[in-house]
Amino acid sequence: MTENQTDPETHQPETLSDNVEQLAVARDSKLRHANLTQQLEQELEVLEKELDETTDLEQGLEPLTIKAMKEKALRRFLREEELKPFQAELIRMQQYLEANGTRMIILFEGRDAAGKGGTIRRVTRYMNEKHYRVVALGKPTEHEKTQWYFQKYIQQFPRGGEVVLFDRSWYNRAMVEPVLGFCSDRDYKNFMRGVDGFEKDLVRQGTILVKLYFSVTREEQARRFERRKVDALRQWKLSEVDLQAQERWDDFTNVKYEMLKKTHTTHAPWKIIRSNDKHQARLNAMKVILNSVPYDRLDQELDFVPDPGIVISGARELEKMEAQRLRGGKFLA
């Protein structure tokens, strides 16, 4: 135990319980959600009346455009409110991990523009930043290229009581690198042979490992790429790799199948998150994360059961992909 680390039996996290209270989402979350919705709708009605009293020429906007903007703002507000009870649970989960000195790793994998980053931001929004880290490693340096492949990831692993969220992980070698030629065939095969034992040892020594794969359709990915091209606030997300994602769709699908087939295991299973609907993907990813930790629930009345239309097991995804290949001669997912 380091000199800055206190005894978990006597230590109570200094800010976590305060954060839970500040969220104001405990116990009566359904009632609170309804009250907030009613208040916002009333405010929108007042705003709409004020706008109706002003001519279209004065506003420079058509009434339908204004209405659409208000409806969009309302939907966004309600979605964020729906997440808050689960974000409060994530704080309670942190309390459990810290009190027990438990390590936790969450992998966020999936195609480009599948919604990984947005989900990570919602998951961590109210968490105590002293006890979590988001890791998104760049291209390997020349020095790292000479190391054991897992070495740079191990250096980022959590201490006791900490959560580390990998925005892409060691599974780069199973997905992106072989498709884009960033690793040799030998490197790829060595990884696929060794990753199972690596993860088994990780879990055996007490680390909670959650593996999430965000699955988006080809059409939705193309739509999101187009938005990145024209939206100045999103253009930074568009990379050279993104530009190849659509062209190499089938190649990425093939390596996805091989990855699930060889790395979906009882000790480190994959959860597939259908992410065409970003909000549902975020909500259900939170449920999967919370269900992986045996902490005492903050709100027993919350529905912690993931939507089976959004979250499916790696084994079920494999079955679906194999059925697609039998019917049409190739994978579609």
C-alpha atoms as a PDB file:
ATOM      1  CA  MET A   1       0.000   0.000   0.000  1.00  0.00           C
ATOM      2  CA  THR A   2       1.492   3.356  -1.032  1.00  0.00           C
ATOM      3  CA  GLU A   3       1.763   6.276   1.322  1.00  0.00           C
ATOM      4  CA  ASN A   4      -1.009   8.128  -0.536  1.00  0.00           C
ATOM      5  CA  GLN A   5      -3.348   5.120  -0.452  1.00  0.00           C
ATOM      6  CA  THR A   6      -5.689   4.776   2.493  1.00  0.00           C
ATOM      7  CA  ASP A   7      -7.063   1.640   4.027  1.00  0.00           C
ATOM      8  CA  PRO A   8     -10.105   0.553   1.962  1.00  0.00           C
ATOM      9  CA  GLU A   9     -11.904  -0.696   5.078  1.00  0.00           C
ATOM     10  CA  THR A  10     -11.890   2.723   6.724  1.00  0.00           C
ATOM     11  CA  HIS A  11     -11.673   5.004   3.710  1.00  0.00           C
ATOM     12  CA  GLN A  12     -14.820   6.579   2.357  1.00  0.00           C
ATOM     13  CA  PRO A  13     -14.335   8.269  -1.026  1.00  0.00           C
ATOM     14  CA  GLU A  14     -14.381  11.971  -0.406  1.00  0.00           C
ATOM     15  CA  THR A  15     -16.409  13.165  -3.347  1.00  0.00           C
ATOM     16  CA  LEU A  16     -18.326  10.233  -4.756  1.00  0.00           C
ATOM     17  CA  SER A  17     -21.333  10.377  -2.422  1.00  0.00           C
ATOM     18  CA  ASP A  18     -21.500  14.148  -2.907  1.00  0.00           C
ATOM     19  CA  ASN A  19     -21.559  13.652  -6.650  1.00  0.00           C
ATOM     20  CA  VAL A  20     -24.437  11.213  -6.316  1.00  0.00           C
ATOM     21  CA  GLU A  21     -26.450  13.774  -4.355  1.00  0.00           C
ATOM     22  CA  GLN A  22     -25.651  16.528  -6.845  1.00  0.00           C
ATOM     23  CA  LEU A  23     -27.040  14.455  -9.697  1.00  0.00           C
ATOM     24  CA  ALA A  24     -30.426  14.385  -7.905  1.00  0.00           C
ATOM     25  CA  VAL A  25     -31.434  11.223  -9.634  1.00  0.00           C
ATOM     26  CA  ALA A  26     -31.783   8.835  -6.723  1.00  0.00           C
ATOM     27  CA  ARG A  27     -34.903   6.868  -5.905  1.00  0.00           C
ATOM     28  CA  ASP A  28     -37.663   8.874  -7.620  1.00  0.00           C
ATOM     29  CA  SER A  29     -36.024   9.054 -11.057  1.00  0.00           C
ATOM     30  CA  LYS A  30     -39.209   8.260 -12.980  1.00  0.00           C
ATOM     31  CA  LEU A  31     -41.207  10.969 -11.213  1.00  0.00           C
ATOM     32  CA  ARG A  32     -38.391  13.466 -11.603  1.00  0.00           C
ATOM     33  CA  HIS A  33     -38.094  12.652 -15.297  1.00  0.00           C
ATOM     34  CA  ALA A  34     -41.822  13.275 -15.795  1.00  0.00           C
ATOM     35  CA  ASN A  35     -41.712  16.580 -13.892  1.00  0.00           C
ATOM     36  CA  LEU A  36     -38.732  17.827 -15.867  1.00  0.00           C
ATOM     37  CA  THR A  37     -40.398  16.854 -19.116  1.00  0.00           C
ATOM     38  CA  GLN A  38     -43.559  18.745 -18.181  1.00  0.00           C
ATOM     39  CA  GLN A  39     -41.590  21.829 -17.163  1.00  0.00           C
ATOM     40  CA  LEU A  40     -39.613  21.869 -20.385  1.00  0.00           C
ATOM     41  CA  GLU A  41     -42.717  21.383 -22.510  1.00  0.00           C
ATOM     42  CA  GLN A  42     -44.369  24.327 -20.729  1.00  0.00           C
ATOM     43  CA  GLU A  43     -41.323  26.507 -21.385  1.00  0.00           C
ATOM     44  CA  LEU A  44     -41.367  25.476 -25.037  1.00  0.00           C
ATOM     45  CA  GLU A  45     -45.068  26.358 -25.314  1.00  0.00           C
ATOM     46  CA  VAL A  46     -44.369  29.838 -23.954  1.00  0.00           C
ATOM     47  CA  LEU A  47     -41.481  30.255 -26.375  1.00  0.00           C
ATOM     48  CA  GLU A  48     -43.633  29.082 -29.277  1.00  0.00           C
ATOM     49  CA  LYS A  49     -46.345  31.642 -28.447  1.00  0.00           C
ATOM     50  CA  GLU A  50     -43.743  34.384 -28.358  1.00  0.00           C
ATOM     51  CA  LEU A  51     -42.373  33.296 -31.706  1.00  0.00           C
ATOM     52  CA  ASP A  52     -45.848  33.123 -33.238  1.00  0.00           C
ATOM     53  CA  GLU A  53     -46.345  36.782 -32.344  1.00  0.00           C
ATOM     54  CA  THR A  54     -43.322  37.719 -34.429  1.00  0.00           C
ATOM     55  CA  THR A  55     -43.470  37.697 -38.211  1.00  0.00           C
ATOM     56  CA  ASP A  56     -41.436  35.222 -40.231  1.00  0.00           C
ATOM     57  CA  LEU A  57     -39.591  38.077 -41.927  1.00  0.00           C
ATOM     58  CA  GLU A  58     -38.481  39.516 -38.620  1.00  0.00           C
ATOM     59  CA  GLN A  59     -37.162  36.162 -37.498  1.00  0.00           C
ATOM     60  CA  GLY A  60     -35.665  35.154 -40.833  1.00  0.00           C
ATOM     61  CA  LEU A  61     -36.789  31.580 -40.107  1.00  0.00           C
ATOM     62  CA  GLU A  62     -39.756  29.508 -41.138  1.00  0.00           C
ATOM     63  CA  PRO A  63     -42.055  28.338 -38.303  1.00  0.00           C
ATOM     64  CA  LEU A  64     -41.450  24.682 -39.188  1.00  0.00           C
ATOM     65  CA  THR A  65     -37.716  25.162 -38.862  1.00  0.00           C
ATOM     66  CA  ILE A  66     -38.136  26.710 -35.440  1.00  0.00           C
ATOM     67  CA  LYS A  67     -40.478  23.899 -34.398  1.00  0.00           C
ATOM     68  CA  ALA A  68     -38.051  21.273 -35.627  1.00  0.00           C
ATOM     69  CA  MET A  69     -35.224  22.893 -33.695  1.00  0.00           C
ATOM     70  CA  LYS A  70     -37.275  22.915 -30.504  1.00  0.00           C
ATOM     71  CA  GLU A  71     -38.300  19.299 -30.941  1.00  0.00           C
ATOM     72  CA  LYS A  72     -34.677  18.317 -31.475  1.00  0.00           C
ATOM     73  CA  ALA A  73     -33.644  20.202 -28.338  1.00  0.00           C
ATOM     74  CA  LEU A  74     -36.393  18.490 -26.362  1.00  0.00           C
ATOM     75  CA  ARG A  75     -35.400  15.032 -27.575  1.00  0.00           C
ATOM     76  CA  ARG A  76     -31.778  15.668 -26.721  1.00  0.00           C
ATOM     77  CA  PHE A  77     -32.700  16.917 -23.255  1.00  0.00           C
ATOM     78  CA  LEU A  78     -34.880  13.893 -22.526  1.00  0.00           C
ATOM     79  CA  ARG A  79     -32.209  11.491 -23.724  1.00  0.00           C
ATOM     80  CA  GLU A  80     -29.589  13.019 -21.477  1.00  0.00           C
ATOM     81  CA  GLU A  81     -32.032  12.913 -18.554  1.00  0.00           C
ATOM     82  CA  GLU A  82     -32.715   9.223 -19.202  1.00  0.00           C
ATOM     83  CA  LEU A  83     -29.004   8.481 -18.841  1.00  0.00           C
ATOM     84  CA  LYS A  84     -28.568  10.264 -15.500  1.00  0.00           C
ATOM     85  CA  PRO A  85     -29.895   7.516 -13.190  1.00  0.00           C
ATOM     86  CA  PHE A  86     -27.409   5.108 -14.773  1.00  0.00           C
ATOM     87  CA  GLN A  87     -24.621   7.671 -14.562  1.00  0.00           C
ATOM     88  CA  ALA A  88     -25.373   7.894 -10.827  1.00  0.00           C
ATOM     89  CA  GLU A  89     -25.101   4.099 -10.662  1.00  0.00           C
ATOM     90  CA  LEU A  90     -21.693   4.323 -12.324  1.00  0.00           C
ATOM     91  CA  ILE A  91     -20.568   6.564  -9.472  1.00  0.00           C
ATOM     92  CA  ARG A  92     -21.833   3.992  -6.962  1.00  0.00           C
ATOM     93  CA  MET A  93     -19.978   1.322  -8.933  1.00  0.00           C
ATOM     94  CA  GLN A  94     -16.797   3.391  -8.572  1.00  0.00           C
ATOM     95  CA  GLN A  95     -17.312   3.460  -4.819  1.00  0.00           C
ATOM     96  CA  TYR A  96     -17.440  -0.323  -4.752  1.00  0.00           C
ATOM     97  CA  LEU A  97     -14.309  -0.691  -6.890  1.00  0.00           C
ATOM     98  CA  GLU A  98     -12.353   1.748  -4.742  1.00  0.00           C
ATOM     99  CA  ALA A  99     -13.509   0.243  -1.451  1.00  0.00           C
ATOM    100  CA  ASN A 100     -12.487  -3.238  -2.588  1.00  0.00           C
ATOM    101  CA  GLY A 101      -9.350  -2.267  -4.510  1.00  0.00           C
ATOM    102  CA  THR A 102     -10.740  -3.918  -7.639  1.00  0.00           C
ATOM    103  CA  ARG A 103      -9.292  -3.187 -11.081  1.00  0.00           C
ATOM    104  CA  MET A 104     -11.571  -2.749 -14.099  1.00  0.00           C
ATOM    105  CA  ILE A 105     -10.824  -2.532 -17.836  1.00  0.00           C
ATOM    106  CA  ILE A 106     -13.454  -1.686 -20.451  1.00  0.00           C
ATOM    107  CA  LEU A 107     -12.636  -2.127 -24.133  1.00  0.00           C
ATOM    108  CA  PHE A 108     -14.514  -0.061 -26.715  1.00  0.00           C
ATOM    109  CA  GLU A 109     -14.100  -1.605 -30.142  1.00  0.00           C
ATOM    110  CA  GLY A 110     -15.964  -1.364 -33.438  1.00  0.00           C
ATOM    111  CA  ARG A 111     -15.896   0.211 -36.842  1.00  0.00           C
ATOM    112  CA  ASP A 112     -15.106   3.880 -37.391  1.00  0.00           C
ATOM    113  CA  ALA A 113     -18.031   6.203 -36.556  1.00  0.00           C
ATOM    114  CA  ALA A 114     -19.765   3.447 -34.579  1.00  0.00           C
ATOM    115  CA  GLY A 115     -20.257   5.673 -31.525  1.00  0.00           C
ATOM    116  CA  LYS A 116     -17.434   4.554 -29.243  1.00  0.00           C
ATOM    117  CA  GLY A 117     -16.207   8.023 -28.289  1.00  0.00           C
ATOM    118  CA  GLY A 118     -19.666   9.429 -27.574  1.00  0.00           C
ATOM    119  CA  THR A 119     -20.461   6.477 -25.331  1.00  0.00           C
ATOM    120  CA  ILE A 120     -17.198   6.889 -23.419  1.00  0.00           C
ATOM    121  CA  ARG A 121     -18.002  10.555 -22.805  1.00  0.00           C
ATOM    122  CA  ARG A 122     -21.444   9.706 -21.408  1.00  0.00           C
ATOM    123  CA  VAL A 123     -20.099   6.879 -19.257  1.00  0.00           C
ATOM    124  CA  THR A 124     -17.436   9.072 -17.663  1.00  0.00           C
ATOM    125  CA  ARG A 125     -19.352  12.382 -17.539  1.00  0.00           C
ATOM    126  CA  TYR A 126     -20.047  12.343 -13.776  1.00  0.00           C
ATOM    127  CA  MET A 127     -17.499   9.776 -12.638  1.00  0.00           C
ATOM    128  CA  ASN A 128     -14.776  10.771 -10.212  1.00  0.00           C
ATOM    129  CA  GLU A 129     -11.860  11.583 -12.505  1.00  0.00           C
ATOM    130  CA  LYS A 130      -9.382  10.547  -9.825  1.00  0.00           C
ATOM    131  CA  HIS A 131     -10.460   6.955 -10.299  1.00  0.00           C
ATOM    132  CA  TYR A 132     -10.775   6.488 -14.034  1.00  0.00           C
ATOM    133  CA  ARG A 133      -8.701   7.062 -17.171  1.00  0.00           C
ATOM    134  CA  VAL A 134      -9.539   7.029 -20.872  1.00  0.00           C
ATOM    135  CA  VAL A 135      -6.729   5.593 -22.985  1.00  0.00           C
ATOM    136  CA  ALA A 136      -6.544   6.120 -26.749  1.00  0.00           C
ATOM    137  CA  LEU A 137      -3.075   5.159 -27.934  1.00  0.00           C
ATOM    138  CA  GLY A 138      -1.677   6.464 -31.212  1.00  0.00           C
ATOM    139  CA  LYS A 139       0.539   4.818 -33.764  1.00  0.00           C
ATOM    140  CA  PRO A 140       3.385   2.818 -32.189  1.00  0.00           C
ATOM    141  CA  THR A 141       6.721   4.583 -31.941  1.00  0.00           C
ATOM    142  CA  GLU A 142       9.863   3.013 -33.368  1.00  0.00           C
ATOM    143  CA  HIS A 143      10.789   2.001 -29.828  1.00  0.00           C
ATOM    144  CA  GLU A 144       7.374   0.402 -29.212  1.00  0.00           C
ATOM    145  CA  LYS A 145       7.674  -1.576 -32.433  1.00  0.00           C
ATOM    146  CA  THR A 146      10.607  -3.455 -30.874  1.00  0.00           C
ATOM    147  CA  GLN A 147       8.584  -4.372 -27.741  1.00  0.00           C
ATOM    148  CA  TRP A 148       6.232  -7.213 -26.980  1.00  0.00           C
ATOM    149  CA  TYR A 149       2.947  -6.170 -28.575  1.00  0.00           C
ATOM    150  CA  PHE A 150       0.933  -6.077 -25.319  1.00  0.00           C
ATOM    151  CA  GLN A 151       3.596  -4.104 -23.476  1.00  0.00           C
ATOM    152  CA  LYS A 152       2.346  -0.599 -24.275  1.00  0.00           C
ATOM    153  CA  TYR A 153      -1.168  -1.572 -23.181  1.00  0.00           C
ATOM    154  CA  ILE A 154      -0.005  -3.150 -19.930  1.00  0.00           C
ATOM    155  CA  GLN A 155       1.681   0.135 -19.032  1.00  0.00           C
ATOM    156  CA  GLN A 156      -1.804   1.713 -19.032  1.00  0.00           C
ATOM    157  CA  PHE A 157      -3.499  -0.917 -16.875  1.00  0.00           C
ATOM    158  CA  PRO A 158      -5.432   0.216 -13.774  1.00  0.00           C
ATOM    159  CA  ARG A 159      -4.298   0.206 -10.192  1.00  0.00           C
ATOM    160  CA  GLY A 160      -6.633  -1.089  -7.498  1.00  0.00           C
ATOM    161  CA  GLY A 161      -9.917   0.846  -7.410  1.00  0.00           C
ATOM    162  CA  GLU A 162      -9.440   2.352 -10.874  1.00  0.00           C
ATOM    163  CA  VAL A 163     -11.326   1.983 -14.163  1.00  0.00           C
ATOM    164  CA  VAL A 164      -9.460   2.247 -17.463  1.00  0.00           C
ATOM    165  CA  LEU A 165     -11.502   2.687 -20.639  1.00  0.00           C
ATOM    166  CA  PHE A 166      -9.660   1.835 -23.851  1.00  0.00           C
ATOM    167  CA  ASP A 167     -10.891   3.732 -26.911  1.00  0.00           C
ATOM    168  CA  ARG A 168      -9.601   0.962 -29.185  1.00  0.00           C
ATOM    169  CA  SER A 169      -7.288  -1.535 -27.575  1.00  0.00           C
ATOM    170  CA  TRP A 170      -4.970  -4.432 -28.302  1.00  0.00           C
ATOM    171  CA  TYR A 171      -7.674  -5.616 -30.712  1.00  0.00           C
ATOM    172  CA  ASN A 172      -6.268  -3.150 -33.244  1.00  0.00           C
ATOM    173  CA  ARG A 173      -4.106  -6.093 -34.240  1.00  0.00           C
ATOM    174  CA  ALA A 174      -7.169  -8.229 -34.900  1.00  0.00           C
ATOM    175  CA  MET A 175      -9.144  -5.596 -36.859  1.00  0.00           C
ATOM    176  CA  VAL A 176      -7.490  -2.475 -38.267  1.00  0.00           C
ATOM    177  CA  GLU A 177      -3.877  -3.557 -38.672  1.00  0.00           C
ATOM    178  CA  PRO A 178      -4.366  -6.693 -40.822  1.00  0.00           C
ATOM    179  CA  VAL A 179      -6.876  -4.966 -43.132  1.00  0.00           C
ATOM    180  CA  LEU A 180      -4.746  -1.872 -43.721  1.00  0.00           C
ATOM    181  CA  GLY A 181      -1.432  -3.725 -43.847  1.00  0.00           C
ATOM    182  CA  PHE A 182      -0.054  -2.277 -40.616  1.00  0.00           C
ATOM    183  CA  CYS A 183       1.143  -5.688 -39.384  1.00  0.00           C
ATOM    184  CA  SER A 184       2.497  -8.850 -40.981  1.00  0.00           C
ATOM    185  CA  ASP A 185       0.521 -12.052 -41.319  1.00  0.00           C
ATOM    186  CA  ARG A 186       2.853 -13.591 -38.742  1.00  0.00           C
ATOM    187  CA  ASP A 187       2.134 -10.758 -36.280  1.00  0.00           C
ATOM    188  CA  TYR A 188      -1.594 -11.251 -36.755  1.00  0.00           C
ATOM    189  CA  LYS A 189      -1.451 -15.012 -36.212  1.00  0.00           C
ATOM    190  CA  ASN A 190       0.746 -14.650 -33.124  1.00  0.00           C
ATOM    191  CA  PHE A 191      -1.741 -12.217 -31.631  1.00  0.00           C
ATOM    192  CA  MET A 192      -4.739 -14.454 -32.316  1.00  0.00           C
ATOM    193  CA  ARG A 193      -2.950 -17.400 -30.709  1.00  0.00           C
ATOM    194  CA  GLY A 194      -1.832 -15.484 -27.632  1.00  0.00           C
ATOM    195  CA  VAL A 195      -4.657 -13.098 -26.745  1.00  0.00           C
ATOM    196  CA  ASP A 196      -6.876 -15.745 -25.136  1.00  0.00           C
ATOM    197  CA  GLY A 197      -4.222 -16.735 -22.604  1.00  0.00           C
ATOM    198  CA  PHE A 198      -3.352 -13.082 -21.997  1.00  0.00           C
ATOM    199  CA  GLU A 199      -6.953 -12.222 -21.098  1.00  0.00           C
ATOM    200  CA  LYS A 200      -7.478 -15.392 -19.098  1.00  0.00           C
ATOM    201  CA  ASP A 201      -4.499 -14.509 -16.897  1.00  0.00           C
ATOM    202  CA  LEU A 202      -5.770 -10.941 -16.546  1.00  0.00           C
ATOM    203  CA  VAL A 203      -9.190 -12.093 -15.328  1.00  0.00           C
ATOM    204  CA  ARG A 204      -7.751 -14.862 -13.137  1.00  0.00           C
ATOM    205  CA  GLN A 205      -5.751 -12.281 -11.214  1.00  0.00           C
ATOM    206  CA  GLY A 206      -8.872 -10.272 -10.349  1.00  0.00           C
ATOM    207  CA  THR A 207      -9.326  -7.675 -13.104  1.00  0.00           C
ATOM    208  CA  ILE A 208     -12.882  -7.135 -14.325  1.00  0.00           C
ATOM    209  CA  LEU A 209     -12.676  -7.137 -18.133  1.00  0.00           C
ATOM    210  CA  VAL A 210     -15.592  -5.871 -20.243  1.00  0.00           C
ATOM    211  CA  LYS A 211     -15.319  -6.141 -24.040  1.00  0.00           C
ATOM    212  CA  LEU A 212     -17.795  -4.054 -26.057  1.00  0.00           C
ATOM    213  CA  TYR A 213     -18.013  -4.119 -29.848  1.00  0.00           C
ATOM    214  CA  PHE A 214     -20.091  -1.316 -31.389  1.00  0.00           C
ATOM    215  CA  SER A 215     -21.787  -2.492 -34.569  1.00  0.00           C
ATOM    216  CA  VAL A 216     -23.103   0.044 -37.093  1.00  0.00           C
ATOM    217  CA  THR A 217     -24.575  -0.628 -40.545  1.00  0.00           C
ATOM    218  CA  ARG A 218     -22.775   0.355 -43.709  1.00  0.00           C
ATOM    219  CA  GLU A 219     -25.455   2.892 -44.592  1.00  0.00           C
ATOM    220  CA  GLU A 220     -25.368   4.567 -41.180  1.00  0.00           C
ATOM    221  CA  GLN A 221     -21.579   4.706 -41.223  1.00  0.00           C
ATOM    222  CA  ALA A 222     -21.691   6.413 -44.646  1.00  0.00           C
ATOM    223  CA  ARG A 223     -24.229   8.935 -43.337  1.00  0.00           C
ATOM    224  CA  ARG A 224     -22.018   9.782 -40.357  1.00  0.00           C
ATOM    225  CA  PHE A 225     -18.972  10.192 -42.592  1.00  0.00           C
ATOM    226  CA  GLU A 226     -20.884  12.611 -44.823  1.00  0.00           C
ATOM    227  CA  ARG A 227     -21.864  14.636 -41.790  1.00  0.00           C
ATOM    228  CA  ARG A 228     -18.236  14.815 -40.677  1.00  0.00           C
ATOM    229  CA  LYS A 229     -17.257  16.186 -44.080  1.00  0.00           C
ATOM    230  CA  VAL A 230     -19.667  19.136 -43.901  1.00  0.00           C
ATOM    231  CA  ASP A 231     -19.778  19.803 -40.149  1.00  0.00           C
ATOM    232  CA  ALA A 232     -16.865  21.995 -39.060  1.00  0.00           C
ATOM    233  CA  LEU A 233     -17.223  20.746 -35.481  1.00  0.00           C
ATOM    234  CA  ARG A 234     -16.796  17.125 -36.579  1.00  0.00           C
ATOM    235  CA  GLN A 235     -14.242  17.352 -39.384  1.00  0.00           C
ATOM    236  CA  TRP A 236     -11.395  16.572 -36.988  1.00  0.00           C
ATOM    237  CA  LYS A 237     -12.875  13.081 -36.595  1.00  0.00           C
ATOM    238  CA  LEU A 238     -12.392  12.259 -40.285  1.00  0.00           C
ATOM    239  CA  SER A 239      -9.103  10.427 -40.865  1.00  0.00           C
ATOM    240  CA  GLU A 240      -7.359   8.604 -43.688  1.00  0.00           C
ATOM    241  CA  VAL A 241      -8.462   5.321 -42.134  1.00  0.00           C
ATOM    242  CA  ASP A 242     -12.094   6.510 -42.179  1.00  0.00           C
ATOM    243  CA  LEU A 243     -11.894   7.117 -45.908  1.00  0.00           C
ATOM    244  CA  GLN A 244     -11.049   3.445 -46.439  1.00  0.00           C
ATOM    245  CA  ALA A 245     -13.706   2.077 -44.077  1.00  0.00           C
ATOM    246  CA  GLN A 246     -16.447   1.984 -46.692  1.00  0.00           C
ATOM    247  CA  GLU A 247     -14.239   0.656 -49.475  1.00  0.00           C
ATOM    248  CA  ARG A 248     -12.871  -2.117 -47.250  1.00  0.00           C
ATOM    249  CA  TRP A 249     -16.195  -2.917 -45.574  1.00  0.00           C
ATOM    250  CA  ASP A 250     -16.147  -6.621 -46.452  1.00  0.00           C
ATOM    251  CA  ASP A 251     -12.519  -6.983 -45.334  1.00  0.00           C
ATOM    252  CA  PHE A 252     -13.347  -5.478 -41.947  1.00  0.00           C
ATOM    253  CA  THR A 253     -16.370  -7.773 -41.682  1.00  0.00           C
ATOM    254  CA  ASN A 254     -14.226 -10.849 -42.344  1.00  0.00           C
ATOM    255  CA  VAL A 255     -11.696  -9.980 -39.639  1.00  0.00           C
ATOM    256  CA  LYS A 256     -14.556  -9.168 -37.252  1.00  0.00           C
ATOM    257  CA  TYR A 257     -15.864 -12.704 -37.742  1.00  0.00           C
ATOM    258  CA  GLU A 258     -12.439 -14.245 -37.108  1.00  0.00           C
ATOM    259  CA  MET A 259     -11.944 -12.074 -34.027  1.00  0.00           C
ATOM    260  CA  LEU A 260     -15.259 -13.102 -32.486  1.00  0.00           C
ATOM    261  CA  LYS A 261     -14.747 -16.744 -33.386  1.00  0.00           C
ATOM    262  CA  LYS A 262     -11.364 -16.943 -31.648  1.00  0.00           C
ATOM    263  CA  THR A 263     -11.634 -14.413 -28.813  1.00  0.00           C
ATOM    264  CA  HIS A 264     -15.227 -14.718 -27.551  1.00  0.00           C
ATOM    265  CA  THR A 265     -14.595 -16.878 -24.489  1.00  0.00           C
ATOM    266  CA  THR A 266     -16.317 -17.744 -21.219  1.00  0.00           C
ATOM    267  CA  HIS A 267     -13.778 -15.750 -19.201  1.00  0.00           C
ATOM    268  CA  ALA A 268     -13.678 -12.754 -21.585  1.00  0.00           C
ATOM    269  CA  PRO A 269     -16.882 -12.646 -23.657  1.00  0.00           C
ATOM    270  CA  TRP A 270     -17.786 -10.014 -26.217  1.00  0.00           C
ATOM    271  CA  LYS A 271     -20.970  -7.961 -26.001  1.00  0.00           C
ATOM    272  CA  ILE A 272     -22.144  -6.578 -29.338  1.00  0.00           C
ATOM    273  CA  ILE A 273     -23.839  -3.168 -29.123  1.00  0.00           C
ATOM    274  CA  ARG A 274     -26.079  -2.272 -32.071  1.00  0.00           C
ATOM    275  CA  SER A 275     -25.248   1.420 -32.420  1.00  0.00           C
ATOM    276  CA  ASN A 276     -27.300   2.856 -35.278  1.00  0.00           C
ATOM    277  CA  ASP A 277     -29.299   4.523 -32.498  1.00  0.00           C
ATOM    278  CA  LYS A 278     -26.587   6.294 -30.521  1.00  0.00           C
ATOM    279  CA  HIS A 279     -28.740   6.960 -27.476  1.00  0.00           C
ATOM    280  CA  GLN A 280     -29.860   3.354 -27.099  1.00  0.00           C
ATOM    281  CA  ALA A 281     -26.284   2.191 -27.617  1.00  0.00           C
ATOM    282  CA  ARG A 282     -25.064   4.474 -24.819  1.00  0.00           C
ATOM    283  CA  LEU A 283     -27.850   3.512 -22.436  1.00  0.00           C
ATOM    284  CA  ASN A 284     -27.424  -0.212 -22.973  1.00  0.00           C
ATOM    285  CA  ALA A 285     -23.631  -0.072 -22.841  1.00  0.00           C
ATOM    286  CA  MET A 286     -23.983   1.475 -19.377  1.00  0.00           C
ATOM    287  CA  LYS A 287     -26.246  -1.394 -18.339  1.00  0.00           C
ATOM    288  CA  VAL A 288     -23.706  -3.970 -19.535  1.00  0.00           C
ATOM    289  CA  ILE A 289     -20.927  -2.226 -17.602  1.00  0.00           C
ATOM    290  CA  LEU A 290     -22.996  -1.951 -14.411  1.00  0.00           C
ATOM    291  CA  ASN A 291     -24.084  -5.597 -14.603  1.00  0.00           C
ATOM    292  CA  SER A 292     -20.452  -6.714 -14.693  1.00  0.00           C
ATOM    293  CA  VAL A 293     -19.771  -5.432 -11.156  1.00  0.00           C
ATOM    294  CA  PRO A 294     -21.458  -6.886  -8.009  1.00  0.00           C
ATOM    295  CA  TYR A 295     -22.057  -3.569  -6.251  1.00  0.00           C
ATOM    296  CA  ASP A 296     -25.142  -2.556  -4.225  1.00  0.00           C
ATOM    297  CA  ARG A 297     -27.584  -0.755  -6.510  1.00  0.00           C
ATOM    298  CA  LEU A 298     -28.361   2.865  -5.779  1.00  0.00           C
ATOM    299  CA  ASP A 299     -31.882   2.584  -7.229  1.00  0.00           C
ATOM    300  CA  GLN A 300     -33.364  -0.907  -7.072  1.00  0.00           C
ATOM    301  CA  GLU A 301     -36.284   0.109  -9.274  1.00  0.00           C
ATOM    302  CA  LEU A 302     -34.166   0.962 -12.312  1.00  0.00           C
ATOM    303  CA  ASP A 303     -34.347  -1.449 -15.248  1.00  0.00           C
ATOM    304  CA  PHE A 304     -30.848  -2.895 -15.581  1.00  0.00           C
ATOM    305  CA  VAL A 305     -31.796  -5.475 -18.219  1.00  0.00           C
ATOM    306  CA  PRO A 306     -30.184  -4.656 -21.597  1.00  0.00           C
ATOM    307  CA  ASP A 307     -32.458  -4.419 -24.615  1.00  0.00           C
ATOM    308  CA  PRO A 308     -32.024  -7.726 -26.521  1.00  0.00           C
ATOM    309  CA  GLY A 309     -32.460  -5.799 -29.759  1.00  0.00           C
ATOM    310  CA  ILE A 310     -29.433  -3.641 -28.907  1.00  0.00           C
ATOM    311  CA  VAL A 311     -27.131  -5.949 -26.914  1.00  0.00           C
ATOM    312  CA  ILE A 312     -26.360  -9.469 -28.072  1.00  0.00           C
ATOM    313  CA  SER A 313     -23.631 -11.913 -27.133  1.00  0.00           C
ATOM    314  CA  GLY A 314     -20.604 -12.575 -29.285  1.00  0.00           C
ATOM    315  CA  ALA A 315     -21.829 -16.140 -29.761  1.00  0.00           C
ATOM    316  CA  ARG A 316     -25.192 -14.949 -31.068  1.00  0.00           C
ATOM    317  CA  GLU A 317     -23.484 -12.513 -33.439  1.00  0.00           C
ATOM    318  CA  LEU A 318     -21.399 -15.364 -34.822  1.00  0.00           C
ATOM    319  CA  GLU A 319     -24.559 -17.392 -35.440  1.00  0.00           C
ATOM    320  CA  LYS A 320     -26.155 -14.471 -37.275  1.00  0.00           C
ATOM    321  CA  MET A 321     -23.082 -13.915 -39.432  1.00  0.00           C
ATOM    322  CA  GLU A 322     -22.806 -17.594 -40.318  1.00  0.00           C
ATOM    323  CA  ALA A 323     -26.491 -17.645 -41.285  1.00  0.00           C
ATOM    324  CA  GLN A 324     -25.917 -14.620 -43.537  1.00  0.00           C
ATOM    325  CA  ARG A 325     -23.032 -16.367 -45.270  1.00  0.00           C
ATOM    326  CA  LEU A 326     -25.085 -19.531 -45.831  1.00  0.00           C
ATOM    327  CA  ARG A 327     -27.995 -17.577 -47.319  1.00  0.00           C
ATOM    328  CA  GLY A 328     -26.135 -14.981 -49.374  1.00  0.00           C
ATOM    329  CA  GLY A 329     -22.611 -16.273 -49.763  1.00  0.00           C
ATOM    330  CA  LYS A 330     -21.011 -13.548 -47.633  1.00  0.00           C
ATOM    331  CA  PHE A 331     -21.257 -11.739 -44.305  1.00  0.00           C
ATOM    332  CA  LEU A 332     -23.363  -8.590 -44.066  1.00  0.00           C
ATOM    333  CA  ALA A 333     -22.754  -7.354 -40.506  1.00  0.00           C
END
